[in-house]
Protein backbone atom coordinates (compact mmCIF):
# COMPACT_ATOMS: atom_id res chain seq x y z
CA MET A 1 -4.97 7.14 18.27
CA LYS A 2 -8.10 6.79 16.20
CA ASN A 3 -8.85 3.52 14.46
CA ARG A 4 -11.37 1.75 12.25
CA LEU A 5 -11.32 -1.49 14.23
CA LYS A 6 -14.99 -1.43 15.27
CA VAL A 7 -16.15 -0.81 11.68
CA LEU A 8 -13.90 -3.51 10.25
CA ARG A 9 -15.04 -5.97 12.91
CA ALA A 10 -18.71 -5.17 12.27
CA GLU A 11 -18.27 -5.66 8.52
CA ARG A 12 -17.25 -9.24 9.28
CA ASP A 13 -19.99 -9.73 11.90
CA TRP A 14 -17.40 -10.47 14.59
CA SER A 15 -17.99 -9.71 18.24
CA GLN A 16 -15.25 -8.18 20.35
CA GLY A 17 -14.82 -11.64 21.85
CA ASP A 18 -14.42 -13.23 18.41
CA LEU A 19 -11.71 -10.75 17.46
CA ALA A 20 -9.99 -11.08 20.83
CA GLU A 21 -9.87 -14.86 20.48
CA GLN A 22 -8.32 -14.65 17.02
CA LEU A 23 -5.67 -12.22 18.29
CA ALA A 24 -5.04 -14.04 21.60
CA VAL A 25 -5.90 -10.97 23.69
CA SER A 26 -8.74 -10.18 26.08
CA ARG A 27 -12.09 -8.78 24.98
CA GLN A 28 -11.37 -5.85 27.29
CA SER A 29 -8.22 -5.10 25.27
CA ILE A 30 -10.27 -4.96 22.07
CA ASN A 31 -12.77 -2.63 23.72
CA ALA A 32 -9.99 -0.35 24.99
CA ILE A 33 -8.40 -0.18 21.52
CA GLU A 34 -11.73 0.54 19.82
CA THR A 35 -12.58 3.34 22.24
CA GLY A 36 -9.12 4.90 21.98
CA LYS A 37 -8.23 4.26 25.62
CA TYR A 38 -5.33 2.00 24.68
CA ASP A 39 -2.89 2.00 21.77
CA PRO A 40 -1.85 -1.51 20.75
CA SER A 41 1.77 -2.55 20.75
CA LEU A 42 3.41 -2.63 17.35
CA PRO A 43 3.39 -6.46 17.21
CA LEU A 44 -0.34 -6.48 18.03
CA ALA A 45 -1.01 -3.77 15.45
CA PHE A 46 0.73 -5.93 12.83
CA ARG A 47 -1.33 -8.98 13.87
CA ILE A 48 -4.52 -6.93 13.55
CA ALA A 49 -3.47 -5.65 10.12
CA ASP A 50 -2.58 -9.18 8.97
CA LEU A 51 -5.90 -10.55 10.20
CA PHE A 52 -7.87 -7.94 8.24
CA GLY A 53 -5.51 -8.08 5.25
CA LEU A 54 -4.91 -4.33 5.37
CA PRO A 55 -1.93 -2.06 5.92
CA ILE A 56 -1.65 -0.73 9.46
CA GLU A 57 -2.23 2.79 8.12
CA GLU A 58 -5.71 1.82 6.91
CA ILE A 59 -6.72 0.65 10.38
CA PHE A 60 -4.95 3.06 12.72
CA LEU A 61 -5.21 6.78 11.97
CA ARG A 62 -3.19 9.65 13.32
CA GLY A 63 -5.08 11.79 15.80
CA GLU A 64 -5.45 15.50 15.22
């Protein structure tokens, strides 16, 4: 699944570690999500969306 997480994080000048801390996950999890190697659970996707104040659909995009 493609996502805009890296761009959204960069817009806020957050490191992967900063985002991981706010979401209570590991930095490695953030890296895996950003690179498309891991799809977050639905609860984590909702936490990410809430943190950025965006609908899930504006962060996570359907792959082709």
